[in-house]
Amino acid sequence: MKRFRADVTVLPKDGVLDTQGKAVERTLRSHGYEAVSGVRVGRFVRFVVEAPDESSAGEIVRAAADDLLVNDLIESCTFTLEQLP
């Protein structure tokens, strides 16, 4: 079996009100970062997956995200995999 590090990013879907993102954006702007916009606040989850290949590891990560990490009504996710030595 190979080991892969999975980095999963979960964010509110476009069109879903992100009150945390708006608060962070207002704070950034009030501190002089007027060029900042479109702030979204989400979650980052990292874990290790053991699988025979990258494709299988991706299937495991996708299933875990769909089952436990993401509320698919209001959130979406992306992930990357990196094979570990």
Protein backbone atom coordinates (compact mmCIF):
# COMPACT_ATOMS: atom_id res chain seq x y z
CA MET A 1 0.00 0.00 0.00
CA LYS A 2 1.06 3.55 -0.70
CA ARG A 3 0.48 6.49 1.62
CA PHE A 4 -0.98 9.78 0.43
CA ARG A 5 -1.45 13.07 2.26
CA ALA A 6 -4.88 14.51 1.52
CA ASP A 7 -5.45 18.25 1.89
CA VAL A 8 -9.17 19.01 1.80
CA THR A 9 -10.53 22.57 1.59
CA VAL A 10 -14.21 23.11 2.40
CA LEU A 11 -15.84 26.44 1.52
CA PRO A 12 -19.38 27.80 1.38
CA LYS A 13 -20.90 27.41 -2.07
CA ASP A 14 -21.15 30.51 -4.24
CA GLY A 15 -24.37 32.32 -3.42
CA VAL A 16 -24.47 31.06 0.18
CA LEU A 17 -24.26 33.85 2.76
CA ASP A 18 -20.84 33.73 4.44
CA THR A 19 -21.14 35.95 7.52
CA GLN A 20 -17.64 35.03 8.74
CA GLY A 21 -16.18 35.92 5.36
CA LYS A 22 -17.97 39.28 5.38
CA ALA A 23 -16.70 40.03 8.90
CA VAL A 24 -13.12 39.17 7.94
CA GLU A 25 -13.40 41.29 4.79
CA ARG A 26 -14.71 44.29 6.76
CA THR A 27 -11.90 43.93 9.29
CA LEU A 28 -9.24 43.66 6.60
CA ARG A 29 -10.59 46.76 4.86
CA SER A 30 -10.73 48.70 8.14
CA HIS A 31 -7.03 47.88 8.60
CA GLY A 32 -6.09 49.37 5.26
CA TYR A 33 -6.46 46.38 2.93
CA GLU A 34 -8.98 48.04 0.60
CA ALA A 35 -7.87 45.86 -2.32
CA VAL A 36 -9.26 42.73 -0.60
CA SER A 37 -12.69 41.44 -1.61
CA GLY A 38 -14.66 38.23 -1.95
CA VAL A 39 -13.44 36.74 1.34
CA ARG A 40 -14.77 33.25 2.09
CA VAL A 41 -14.10 31.42 5.34
CA GLY A 42 -14.09 27.64 5.44
CA ARG A 43 -12.18 24.68 6.82
CA PHE A 44 -8.95 22.90 6.00
CA VAL A 45 -8.59 19.21 6.84
CA ARG A 46 -5.41 17.14 6.36
CA PHE A 47 -5.10 13.39 6.78
CA VAL A 48 -3.17 10.39 5.47
CA VAL A 49 -4.80 7.75 3.28
CA GLU A 50 -3.39 4.30 2.55
CA ALA A 51 -4.39 2.99 -0.87
CA PRO A 52 -2.90 0.98 -3.72
CA ASP A 53 -2.74 4.02 -6.05
CA GLU A 54 -3.61 7.70 -6.33
CA SER A 55 -6.95 7.05 -8.01
CA SER A 56 -8.09 4.79 -5.16
CA ALA A 57 -6.87 7.33 -2.60
CA GLY A 58 -8.90 10.02 -4.36
CA GLU A 59 -12.01 7.85 -4.18
CA ILE A 60 -11.50 7.41 -0.42
CA VAL A 61 -11.02 11.14 0.12
CA ARG A 62 -14.09 11.99 -1.98
CA ALA A 63 -16.21 9.46 -0.06
CA ALA A 64 -15.00 10.79 3.30
CA ALA A 65 -15.76 14.35 2.22
CA ASP A 66 -19.22 13.45 0.96
CA ASP A 67 -20.07 11.37 4.05
CA LEU A 68 -18.60 13.48 6.85
CA LEU A 69 -16.72 16.63 5.96
CA VAL A 70 -19.06 18.56 3.67
CA ASN A 71 -22.66 19.68 3.99
CA ASP A 72 -23.43 19.45 0.28
CA LEU A 73 -26.43 21.77 0.57
CA ILE A 74 -24.26 24.78 1.42
CA GLU A 75 -20.60 23.73 0.98
CA SER A 76 -18.25 22.45 -1.68
CA CYS A 77 -14.78 21.02 -1.42
CA THR A 78 -11.59 20.53 -3.33
CA PHE A 79 -8.67 18.34 -2.42
CA THR A 80 -5.12 17.52 -3.38
CA LEU A 81 -3.15 14.34 -2.87
CA GLU A 82 0.58 13.98 -2.39
CA GLN A 83 2.26 10.60 -2.24
CA LEU A 84 4.37 10.22 0.88
CA PRO A 85 7.74 8.48 0.95
